[in-house]
Amino acid sequence: MEPPLRVVRRYAAVEAKQGVAVDGGFFYAIDDAAIGKYDKSTGRRVGEWKPDGDVHIIHLDSGAVIDGRLYCAHSNYPHVPMVSSIEVFDTRQLSHVDSIPLPALGSATWVDRAHGSWWVTFAHYAGEGGEPGRPPADTRLVQFDEHWQPRGSWSFPPAVVRRWQGMSNSGGIWDGG
């Protein structure tokens, strides 16, 4: 069993309601429709992003920094039918640079890249934001190739689904990916 993680520092970040992503010098606090960029050593906010009229953002969730870009899972949660995308931001300027539409597999909640593939979890919910006939057990981890074409799909064990208590998986990361 691995030892528990040790808290090194704690910082307040007004946007830290959905997720956080980290690179070498900064962390990015993610809210539904806002991102704050913070210096890791001081906790000082050094940048922020909010959508303008050209970018339609409803519900950002978890994010991952890969090669100088912040990739955020995005959906129209709690609206149905579920529509999802990956929203891409340049981390230097914290500017929105791309939107990658995803197939209608659920509500995208997290994204990461590992082992030459993209990985996204598509959530399903029992209550608000859920589609009739699609319980949390329909939540899937989906593997995509570099062109965002699905290559595989995995369900979660029933014991894990029960722990969600009607909600779903909302975060993940590859360890050593």
N, C-alpha and C. Protein backbone atom coordinates (compact mmCIF):
# COMPACT_ATOMS: atom_id res chain seq x y z
N MET A 1 0.84 -1.18 0.00
CA MET A 1 0.00 0.00 0.00
C MET A 1 0.89 1.24 0.00
N GLU A 2 0.52 2.20 -0.83
CA GLU A 2 1.30 3.43 -0.92
C GLU A 2 1.04 4.32 0.29
N PRO A 3 2.06 5.07 0.71
CA PRO A 3 1.85 5.99 1.84
C PRO A 3 0.89 7.10 1.44
N PRO A 4 0.18 7.69 2.41
CA PRO A 4 -0.74 8.79 2.08
C PRO A 4 0.04 9.99 1.53
N LEU A 5 -0.62 10.75 0.69
CA LEU A 5 0.00 11.94 0.13
C LEU A 5 0.13 13.01 1.20
N ARG A 6 1.20 13.78 1.11
CA ARG A 6 1.46 14.84 2.07
C ARG A 6 1.12 16.18 1.43
N VAL A 7 0.36 17.00 2.14
CA VAL A 7 0.03 18.34 1.65
C VAL A 7 1.26 19.23 1.79
N VAL A 8 1.68 19.82 0.70
CA VAL A 8 2.84 20.71 0.70
C VAL A 8 2.40 22.16 0.87
N ARG A 9 1.36 22.57 0.14
CA ARG A 9 0.81 23.92 0.21
C ARG A 9 -0.68 23.86 -0.10
N ARG A 10 -1.41 24.84 0.39
CA ARG A 10 -2.81 25.02 0.03
C ARG A 10 -2.99 26.45 -0.45
N TYR A 11 -3.71 26.59 -1.55
CA TYR A 11 -3.99 27.91 -2.09
C TYR A 11 -5.49 28.06 -2.33
N ALA A 12 -5.99 29.25 -2.12
CA ALA A 12 -7.38 29.56 -2.47
C ALA A 12 -7.43 29.91 -3.95
N ALA A 13 -8.42 29.37 -4.64
CA ALA A 13 -8.61 29.67 -6.06
C ALA A 13 -10.11 29.71 -6.32
N VAL A 14 -10.62 30.89 -6.65
CA VAL A 14 -12.07 31.05 -6.78
C VAL A 14 -12.66 30.14 -7.85
N GLU A 15 -11.89 29.75 -8.86
CA GLU A 15 -12.41 28.92 -9.94
C GLU A 15 -12.38 27.42 -9.61
N ALA A 16 -11.78 27.04 -8.50
CA ALA A 16 -11.56 25.62 -8.19
C ALA A 16 -12.83 24.94 -7.71
N LYS A 17 -13.77 24.78 -8.63
CA LYS A 17 -15.03 24.12 -8.29
C LYS A 17 -15.24 22.83 -9.08
N GLN A 18 -14.56 22.68 -10.21
CA GLN A 18 -14.72 21.48 -11.04
C GLN A 18 -13.46 20.64 -11.12
N GLY A 19 -12.31 21.28 -11.28
CA GLY A 19 -11.09 20.51 -11.45
C GLY A 19 -9.87 21.39 -11.37
N VAL A 20 -8.73 20.74 -11.45
CA VAL A 20 -7.45 21.45 -11.47
C VAL A 20 -6.50 20.67 -12.38
N ALA A 21 -5.68 21.41 -13.11
CA ALA A 21 -4.64 20.82 -13.94
C ALA A 21 -3.33 21.52 -13.59
N VAL A 22 -2.22 20.83 -13.80
CA VAL A 22 -0.93 21.34 -13.33
C VAL A 22 0.13 21.14 -14.40
N ASP A 23 1.03 22.12 -14.54
CA ASP A 23 2.23 21.93 -15.34
C ASP A 23 3.43 22.29 -14.48
N GLY A 24 4.59 22.51 -15.06
CA GLY A 24 5.80 22.74 -14.29
C GLY A 24 5.77 23.95 -13.38
N GLY A 25 5.14 25.04 -13.80
CA GLY A 25 5.16 26.26 -13.00
C GLY A 25 3.82 26.78 -12.54
N PHE A 26 2.74 26.22 -13.05
CA PHE A 26 1.42 26.79 -12.78
C PHE A 26 0.39 25.70 -12.49
N PHE A 27 -0.70 26.12 -11.83
CA PHE A 27 -1.87 25.26 -11.78
C PHE A 27 -3.04 26.04 -12.32
N TYR A 28 -3.99 25.32 -12.88
CA TYR A 28 -5.13 25.89 -13.58
C TYR A 28 -6.39 25.43 -12.87
N ALA A 29 -7.06 26.35 -12.20
CA ALA A 29 -8.29 26.04 -11.47
C ALA A 29 -9.45 26.17 -12.45
N ILE A 30 -10.30 25.14 -12.50
CA ILE A 30 -11.34 25.06 -13.52
C ILE A 30 -12.72 25.12 -12.87
N ASP A 31 -13.54 26.04 -13.35
CA ASP A 31 -14.95 26.15 -12.96
C ASP A 31 -15.80 25.86 -14.19
N ASP A 32 -17.11 25.87 -14.05
CA ASP A 32 -18.01 25.58 -15.18
C ASP A 32 -17.64 26.37 -16.43
N ALA A 33 -17.43 27.67 -16.30
CA ALA A 33 -17.17 28.53 -17.46
C ALA A 33 -16.08 29.55 -17.16
N ALA A 34 -15.05 29.13 -16.44
CA ALA A 34 -13.93 30.02 -16.13
C ALA A 34 -12.71 29.18 -15.77
N ILE A 35 -11.53 29.73 -16.06
CA ILE A 35 -10.27 29.08 -15.69
C ILE A 35 -9.36 30.14 -15.10
N GLY A 36 -8.74 29.83 -13.97
CA GLY A 36 -7.74 30.71 -13.38
C GLY A 36 -6.37 30.07 -13.49
N LYS A 37 -5.36 30.85 -13.84
CA LYS A 37 -3.98 30.38 -13.92
C LYS A 37 -3.24 30.93 -12.71
N TYR A 38 -2.61 30.06 -11.93
CA TYR A 38 -1.96 30.44 -10.68
C TYR A 38 -0.51 29.98 -10.67
N ASP A 39 0.36 30.83 -10.12
CA ASP A 39 1.76 30.48 -9.92
C ASP A 39 1.86 29.42 -8.82
N LYS A 40 2.52 28.30 -9.11
CA LYS A 40 2.60 27.22 -8.13
C LYS A 40 3.40 27.60 -6.89
N SER A 41 4.39 28.45 -7.03
CA SER A 41 5.24 28.76 -5.88
C SER A 41 4.65 29.82 -4.95
N THR A 42 3.78 30.70 -5.49
CA THR A 42 3.23 31.77 -4.65
C THR A 42 1.72 31.69 -4.46
N GLY A 43 1.04 30.97 -5.35
CA GLY A 43 -0.42 30.92 -5.30
C GLY A 43 -1.09 32.15 -5.90
N ARG A 44 -0.30 33.07 -6.44
CA ARG A 44 -0.85 34.30 -7.03
C ARG A 44 -1.48 34.01 -8.39
N ARG A 45 -2.68 34.54 -8.59
CA ARG A 45 -3.34 34.37 -9.90
C ARG A 45 -2.63 35.26 -10.90
N VAL A 46 -2.21 34.65 -12.02
CA VAL A 46 -1.46 35.37 -13.05
C VAL A 46 -2.23 35.44 -14.37
N GLY A 47 -3.39 34.81 -14.42
CA GLY A 47 -4.19 34.86 -15.64
C GLY A 47 -5.57 34.28 -15.39
N GLU A 48 -6.49 34.65 -16.26
CA GLU A 48 -7.83 34.08 -16.17
C GLU A 48 -8.44 34.02 -17.56
N TRP A 49 -9.36 33.10 -17.73
CA TRP A 49 -10.11 32.98 -18.97
C TRP A 49 -11.58 32.87 -18.64
N LYS A 50 -12.38 33.62 -19.38
CA LYS A 50 -13.84 33.51 -19.34
C LYS A 50 -14.31 33.57 -20.78
N PRO A 51 -15.38 32.86 -21.12
CA PRO A 51 -15.80 32.83 -22.52
C PRO A 51 -16.30 34.18 -23.01
N ASP A 52 -15.98 34.46 -24.27
CA ASP A 52 -16.54 35.64 -24.91
C ASP A 52 -17.67 35.18 -25.82
N GLY A 53 -18.18 36.06 -26.63
CA GLY A 53 -19.32 35.73 -27.49
C GLY A 53 -19.04 34.66 -28.53
N ASP A 54 -17.75 34.39 -28.82
CA ASP A 54 -17.40 33.41 -29.85
C ASP A 54 -17.27 31.99 -29.31
N VAL A 55 -17.23 31.83 -28.01
CA VAL A 55 -17.01 30.51 -27.41
C VAL A 55 -18.21 30.17 -26.54
N HIS A 56 -18.85 29.05 -26.85
CA HIS A 56 -20.04 28.62 -26.11
C HIS A 56 -19.65 27.52 -25.12
N ILE A 57 -19.45 27.91 -23.88
CA ILE A 57 -19.05 26.97 -22.83
C ILE A 57 -20.18 26.87 -21.81
N ILE A 58 -20.56 25.64 -21.46
CA ILE A 58 -21.61 25.42 -20.47
C ILE A 58 -21.05 24.83 -19.19
N HIS A 59 -20.30 23.71 -19.31
CA HIS A 59 -19.86 22.99 -18.11
C HIS A 59 -18.48 22.37 -18.35
N LEU A 60 -17.43 23.13 -18.05
CA LEU A 60 -16.08 22.56 -18.05
C LEU A 60 -15.95 21.65 -16.84
N ASP A 61 -15.17 20.61 -16.97
CA ASP A 61 -14.93 19.69 -15.86
C ASP A 61 -13.42 19.55 -15.70
N SER A 62 -12.92 18.38 -15.53
CA SER A 62 -11.49 18.17 -15.29
C SER A 62 -10.65 18.55 -16.51
N GLY A 63 -9.36 18.79 -16.27
CA GLY A 63 -8.45 19.16 -17.34
C GLY A 63 -7.10 18.51 -17.17
N ALA A 64 -6.30 18.55 -18.25
CA ALA A 64 -4.94 18.03 -18.22
C ALA A 64 -4.08 18.91 -19.11
N VAL A 65 -2.86 19.23 -18.65
CA VAL A 65 -1.93 20.01 -19.46
C VAL A 65 -1.01 19.04 -20.20
N ILE A 66 -1.01 19.16 -21.53
CA ILE A 66 -0.21 18.29 -22.38
C ILE A 66 0.45 19.14 -23.45
N ASP A 67 1.78 19.16 -23.46
CA ASP A 67 2.54 19.90 -24.48
C ASP A 67 2.11 21.36 -24.60
N GLY A 68 1.96 22.03 -23.47
CA GLY A 68 1.65 23.46 -23.47
C GLY A 68 0.21 23.80 -23.76
N ARG A 69 -0.64 22.80 -23.79
CA ARG A 69 -2.07 23.02 -24.01
C ARG A 69 -2.85 22.44 -22.85
N LEU A 70 -3.90 23.14 -22.45
CA LEU A 70 -4.81 22.67 -21.41
C LEU A 70 -6.03 22.08 -22.11
N TYR A 71 -6.23 20.78 -21.93
CA TYR A 71 -7.38 20.07 -22.51
C TYR A 71 -8.41 19.89 -21.41
N CYS A 72 -9.62 20.40 -21.64
CA CYS A 72 -10.69 20.30 -20.64
C CYS A 72 -11.87 19.52 -21.20
N ALA A 73 -12.36 18.58 -20.39
CA ALA A 73 -13.62 17.92 -20.73
C ALA A 73 -14.73 18.94 -20.59
N HIS A 74 -15.66 18.93 -21.54
CA HIS A 74 -16.76 19.90 -21.55
C HIS A 74 -18.05 19.19 -21.95
N SER A 75 -19.13 19.58 -21.32
CA SER A 75 -20.44 19.04 -21.70
C SER A 75 -21.51 20.10 -21.50
N ASN A 76 -22.71 19.74 -21.88
CA ASN A 76 -23.85 20.63 -21.67
C ASN A 76 -24.61 20.27 -20.39
N TYR A 77 -23.97 19.51 -19.48
CA TYR A 77 -24.58 19.13 -18.22
C TYR A 77 -25.16 20.37 -17.52
N PRO A 78 -26.37 20.31 -17.00
CA PRO A 78 -27.25 19.16 -16.80
C PRO A 78 -28.28 18.96 -17.91
N HIS A 79 -28.07 19.55 -19.07
CA HIS A 79 -29.04 19.45 -20.16
C HIS A 79 -28.95 18.10 -20.86
N VAL A 80 -30.07 17.67 -21.43
CA VAL A 80 -30.11 16.46 -22.23
C VAL A 80 -30.84 16.77 -23.53
N PRO A 81 -30.53 16.09 -24.62
CA PRO A 81 -29.55 15.01 -24.69
C PRO A 81 -28.14 15.54 -24.45
N MET A 82 -27.29 14.65 -23.95
CA MET A 82 -25.92 15.03 -23.60
C MET A 82 -25.10 15.33 -24.86
N VAL A 83 -24.34 16.42 -24.79
CA VAL A 83 -23.43 16.82 -25.86
C VAL A 83 -22.09 17.14 -25.20
N SER A 84 -21.01 16.62 -25.77
CA SER A 84 -19.69 16.81 -25.15
C SER A 84 -18.63 17.20 -26.17
N SER A 85 -17.57 17.81 -25.64
CA SER A 85 -16.43 18.21 -26.45
C SER A 85 -15.20 18.28 -25.56
N ILE A 86 -14.06 18.38 -26.20
CA ILE A 86 -12.81 18.70 -25.50
C ILE A 86 -12.47 20.12 -25.90
N GLU A 87 -12.33 21.00 -24.92
CA GLU A 87 -11.98 22.40 -25.17
C GLU A 87 -10.49 22.57 -24.89
N VAL A 88 -9.80 23.21 -25.82
CA VAL A 88 -8.34 23.30 -25.76
C VAL A 88 -7.92 24.76 -25.59
N PHE A 89 -6.98 24.98 -24.67
CA PHE A 89 -6.50 26.32 -24.34
C PHE A 89 -4.98 26.35 -24.43
N ASP A 90 -4.43 27.44 -24.97
CA ASP A 90 -3.00 27.69 -24.93
C ASP A 90 -2.66 28.14 -23.51
N THR A 91 -1.71 27.47 -22.85
CA THR A 91 -1.44 27.80 -21.45
C THR A 91 -0.65 29.09 -21.28
N ARG A 92 0.12 29.52 -22.27
CA ARG A 92 0.89 30.76 -22.11
C ARG A 92 -0.02 31.97 -22.02
N GLN A 93 -0.95 32.08 -22.96
CA GLN A 93 -1.86 33.22 -22.99
C GLN A 93 -3.20 32.92 -22.33
N LEU A 94 -3.41 31.67 -21.96
CA LEU A 94 -4.69 31.18 -21.45
C LEU A 94 -5.81 31.62 -22.39
N SER A 95 -5.62 31.25 -23.66
CA SER A 95 -6.61 31.57 -24.69
C SER A 95 -7.20 30.29 -25.26
N HIS A 96 -8.47 30.35 -25.63
CA HIS A 96 -9.16 29.20 -26.22
C HIS A 96 -8.70 29.04 -27.66
N VAL A 97 -8.20 27.83 -28.02
CA VAL A 97 -7.65 27.64 -29.36
C VAL A 97 -8.36 26.57 -30.18
N ASP A 98 -9.16 25.69 -29.55
CA ASP A 98 -9.80 24.63 -30.33
C ASP A 98 -10.95 24.02 -29.54
N SER A 99 -11.87 23.44 -30.28
CA SER A 99 -12.98 22.70 -29.71
C SER A 99 -13.11 21.40 -30.51
N ILE A 100 -13.01 20.27 -29.83
CA ILE A 100 -13.04 18.97 -30.48
C ILE A 100 -14.36 18.29 -30.12
N PRO A 101 -15.28 18.16 -31.09
CA PRO A 101 -16.56 17.51 -30.78
C PRO A 101 -16.36 16.02 -30.52
N LEU A 102 -17.13 15.49 -29.61
CA LEU A 102 -17.04 14.07 -29.26
C LEU A 102 -18.34 13.36 -29.61
N PRO A 103 -18.27 12.04 -29.82
CA PRO A 103 -19.51 11.31 -30.11
C PRO A 103 -20.46 11.34 -28.92
N ALA A 104 -21.73 11.11 -29.18
CA ALA A 104 -22.78 11.16 -28.14
C ALA A 104 -22.73 9.89 -27.29
N LEU A 105 -21.78 9.86 -26.36
CA LEU A 105 -21.59 8.70 -25.50
C LEU A 105 -21.92 9.00 -24.04
N GLY A 106 -22.28 10.24 -23.74
CA GLY A 106 -22.56 10.66 -22.37
C GLY A 106 -22.00 12.04 -22.14
N SER A 107 -21.83 12.39 -20.88
CA SER A 107 -21.31 13.69 -20.48
C SER A 107 -19.82 13.56 -20.19
N ALA A 108 -18.95 14.17 -21.02
CA ALA A 108 -17.50 14.07 -20.81
C ALA A 108 -17.12 14.73 -19.49
N THR A 109 -16.41 13.98 -18.64
CA THR A 109 -16.04 14.51 -17.33
C THR A 109 -14.54 14.64 -17.12
N TRP A 110 -13.73 13.87 -17.81
CA TRP A 110 -12.28 14.05 -17.71
C TRP A 110 -11.59 13.54 -18.96
N VAL A 111 -10.39 14.08 -19.19
CA VAL A 111 -9.60 13.73 -20.37
C VAL A 111 -8.14 13.63 -19.95
N ASP A 112 -7.43 12.69 -20.56
CA ASP A 112 -5.98 12.58 -20.36
C ASP A 112 -5.40 11.91 -21.60
N ARG A 113 -4.08 11.98 -21.72
CA ARG A 113 -3.38 11.31 -22.82
C ARG A 113 -2.34 10.39 -22.20
N ALA A 114 -2.35 9.13 -22.64
CA ALA A 114 -1.38 8.15 -22.14
C ALA A 114 -1.28 7.00 -23.13
N HIS A 115 -0.10 6.41 -23.21
CA HIS A 115 0.12 5.22 -24.04
C HIS A 115 -0.30 5.45 -25.49
N GLY A 116 -0.06 6.67 -26.01
CA GLY A 116 -0.35 6.98 -27.40
C GLY A 116 -1.82 7.20 -27.72
N SER A 117 -2.66 7.29 -26.70
CA SER A 117 -4.10 7.46 -26.90
C SER A 117 -4.65 8.58 -26.03
N TRP A 118 -5.82 9.07 -26.42
CA TRP A 118 -6.61 9.96 -25.58
C TRP A 118 -7.61 9.11 -24.81
N TRP A 119 -7.90 9.50 -23.57
CA TRP A 119 -8.82 8.77 -22.71
C TRP A 119 -9.84 9.76 -22.15
N VAL A 120 -11.11 9.43 -22.27
CA VAL A 120 -12.19 10.31 -21.81
C VAL A 120 -13.23 9.45 -21.10
N THR A 121 -13.70 9.91 -19.95
CA THR A 121 -14.84 9.24 -19.32
C THR A 121 -16.11 9.99 -19.68
N PHE A 122 -17.12 9.21 -20.06
CA PHE A 122 -18.45 9.72 -20.38
C PHE A 122 -19.40 9.26 -19.29
N ALA A 123 -19.90 10.22 -18.51
CA ALA A 123 -20.73 9.93 -17.35
C ALA A 123 -22.20 9.81 -17.72
N HIS A 124 -22.91 9.05 -16.88
CA HIS A 124 -24.38 8.99 -16.90
C HIS A 124 -24.83 9.13 -15.46
N TYR A 125 -25.99 9.75 -15.27
CA TYR A 125 -26.47 10.10 -13.94
C TYR A 125 -27.88 9.56 -13.71
N ALA A 126 -28.20 9.28 -12.45
CA ALA A 126 -29.54 8.79 -12.10
C ALA A 126 -30.54 9.93 -12.00
N GLY A 127 -30.11 11.12 -11.64
CA GLY A 127 -31.03 12.24 -11.42
C GLY A 127 -30.83 13.34 -12.43
N GLU A 128 -30.66 14.57 -11.92
CA GLU A 128 -30.48 15.73 -12.77
C GLU A 128 -29.34 15.50 -13.76
N GLY A 129 -29.58 15.81 -15.01
CA GLY A 129 -28.56 15.65 -16.04
C GLY A 129 -28.51 14.27 -16.65
N GLY A 130 -29.30 13.34 -16.12
CA GLY A 130 -29.31 11.98 -16.64
C GLY A 130 -30.33 11.82 -17.76
N GLU A 131 -30.03 10.92 -18.68
CA GLU A 131 -30.95 10.60 -19.75
C GLU A 131 -31.78 9.38 -19.34
N PRO A 132 -33.08 9.39 -19.59
CA PRO A 132 -33.92 8.25 -19.22
C PRO A 132 -33.37 6.94 -19.80
N GLY A 133 -33.32 5.91 -18.95
CA GLY A 133 -32.84 4.61 -19.38
C GLY A 133 -31.34 4.46 -19.42
N ARG A 134 -30.59 5.48 -18.98
CA ARG A 134 -29.12 5.43 -18.98
C ARG A 134 -28.62 5.67 -17.56
N PRO A 135 -28.55 4.64 -16.73
CA PRO A 135 -28.13 4.80 -15.34
C PRO A 135 -26.62 5.02 -15.23
N PRO A 136 -26.13 5.35 -14.02
CA PRO A 136 -24.69 5.53 -13.83
C PRO A 136 -23.85 4.33 -14.26
N ALA A 137 -24.42 3.13 -14.23
CA ALA A 137 -23.68 1.94 -14.68
C ALA A 137 -23.30 2.02 -16.16
N ASP A 138 -23.93 2.91 -16.93
CA ASP A 138 -23.59 3.09 -18.34
C ASP A 138 -22.40 4.02 -18.54
N THR A 139 -21.85 4.58 -17.47
CA THR A 139 -20.64 5.41 -17.56
C THR A 139 -19.51 4.56 -18.16
N ARG A 140 -18.75 5.16 -19.08
CA ARG A 140 -17.68 4.43 -19.77
C ARG A 140 -16.41 5.26 -19.85
N LEU A 141 -15.28 4.56 -19.74
CA LEU A 141 -13.96 5.12 -20.07
C LEU A 141 -13.71 4.73 -21.52
N VAL A 142 -13.48 5.73 -22.38
CA VAL A 142 -13.33 5.47 -23.81
C VAL A 142 -11.93 5.88 -24.26
N GLN A 143 -11.30 5.00 -25.02
CA GLN A 143 -9.99 5.25 -25.61
C GLN A 143 -10.19 5.79 -27.03
N PHE A 144 -9.48 6.90 -27.34
CA PHE A 144 -9.53 7.50 -28.66
C PHE A 144 -8.14 7.50 -29.28
N ASP A 145 -8.07 7.43 -30.61
CA ASP A 145 -6.79 7.57 -31.29
C ASP A 145 -6.45 9.05 -31.45
N GLU A 146 -5.36 9.35 -32.14
CA GLU A 146 -4.91 10.74 -32.28
C GLU A 146 -5.86 11.59 -33.11
N HIS A 147 -6.78 10.94 -33.83
CA HIS A 147 -7.79 11.67 -34.63
C HIS A 147 -9.15 11.69 -33.93
N TRP A 148 -9.16 11.33 -32.67
CA TRP A 148 -10.36 11.33 -31.84
C TRP A 148 -11.42 10.34 -32.33
N GLN A 149 -10.95 9.21 -32.85
CA GLN A 149 -11.85 8.12 -33.21
C GLN A 149 -11.83 7.09 -32.08
N PRO A 150 -13.00 6.63 -31.60
CA PRO A 150 -13.03 5.65 -30.50
C PRO A 150 -12.34 4.35 -30.89
N ARG A 151 -11.55 3.80 -29.96
CA ARG A 151 -10.82 2.55 -30.19
C ARG A 151 -11.14 1.48 -29.16
N GLY A 152 -11.75 1.85 -28.06
CA GLY A 152 -12.10 0.88 -27.02
C GLY A 152 -12.95 1.55 -25.96
N SER A 153 -13.63 0.73 -25.17
CA SER A 153 -14.53 1.26 -24.14
C SER A 153 -14.58 0.29 -22.97
N TRP A 154 -14.56 0.84 -21.76
CA TRP A 154 -14.58 0.02 -20.55
C TRP A 154 -15.62 0.55 -19.58
N SER A 155 -16.32 -0.37 -18.93
CA SER A 155 -17.28 0.00 -17.89
C SER A 155 -16.59 -0.03 -16.53
N PHE A 156 -17.27 0.45 -15.52
CA PHE A 156 -16.75 0.46 -14.16
C PHE A 156 -17.37 -0.69 -13.37
N PRO A 157 -16.62 -1.26 -12.43
CA PRO A 157 -17.16 -2.36 -11.62
C PRO A 157 -18.39 -1.91 -10.83
N PRO A 158 -19.37 -2.81 -10.65
CA PRO A 158 -20.59 -2.47 -9.91
C PRO A 158 -20.32 -1.87 -8.52
N ALA A 159 -19.29 -2.35 -7.82
CA ALA A 159 -18.99 -1.81 -6.49
C ALA A 159 -18.59 -0.34 -6.57
N VAL A 160 -17.89 0.04 -7.63
CA VAL A 160 -17.50 1.44 -7.82
C VAL A 160 -18.72 2.28 -8.16
N VAL A 161 -19.57 1.78 -9.05
CA VAL A 161 -20.78 2.50 -9.46
C VAL A 161 -21.67 2.76 -8.25
N ARG A 162 -21.80 1.78 -7.36
CA ARG A 162 -22.63 1.97 -6.15
C ARG A 162 -22.10 3.11 -5.29
N ARG A 163 -20.80 3.28 -5.22
CA ARG A 163 -20.21 4.35 -4.40
C ARG A 163 -20.54 5.74 -4.96
N TRP A 164 -20.89 5.84 -6.22
CA TRP A 164 -21.25 7.13 -6.82
C TRP A 164 -22.61 7.61 -6.34
N GLN A 165 -23.42 6.75 -5.79
CA GLN A 165 -24.74 7.10 -5.23
C GLN A 165 -25.59 7.92 -6.21
N GLY A 166 -25.73 7.41 -7.43
CA GLY A 166 -26.56 8.07 -8.43
C GLY A 166 -25.83 9.09 -9.28
N MET A 167 -24.64 9.47 -8.87
CA MET A 167 -23.84 10.41 -9.67
C MET A 167 -22.93 9.59 -10.59
N SER A 168 -21.70 10.04 -10.81
CA SER A 168 -20.84 9.32 -11.74
C SER A 168 -19.37 9.65 -11.48
N ASN A 169 -18.50 9.12 -12.34
CA ASN A 169 -17.07 9.37 -12.27
C ASN A 169 -16.78 10.74 -12.84
N SER A 170 -16.09 11.58 -12.07
CA SER A 170 -15.88 12.96 -12.50
C SER A 170 -14.42 13.37 -12.52
N GLY A 171 -13.51 12.42 -12.41
CA GLY A 171 -12.10 12.78 -12.47
C GLY A 171 -11.24 11.55 -12.61
N GLY A 172 -10.11 11.71 -13.27
CA GLY A 172 -9.19 10.60 -13.43
C GLY A 172 -7.90 11.09 -14.05
N ILE A 173 -6.88 10.27 -13.93
CA ILE A 173 -5.58 10.59 -14.52
C ILE A 173 -4.79 9.30 -14.63
N TRP A 174 -3.94 9.23 -15.64
CA TRP A 174 -3.05 8.09 -15.78
C TRP A 174 -1.82 8.33 -14.92
N ASP A 175 -1.45 7.38 -14.11
CA ASP A 175 -0.27 7.47 -13.27
C ASP A 175 0.94 7.02 -14.08
N GLY A 176 1.86 7.94 -14.34
CA GLY A 176 3.06 7.59 -15.09
C GLY A 176 2.83 7.49 -16.58
N GLY A 177 1.68 7.95 -17.05
CA GLY A 177 1.19 7.85 -18.41
C GLY A 177 2.05 8.18 -19.53
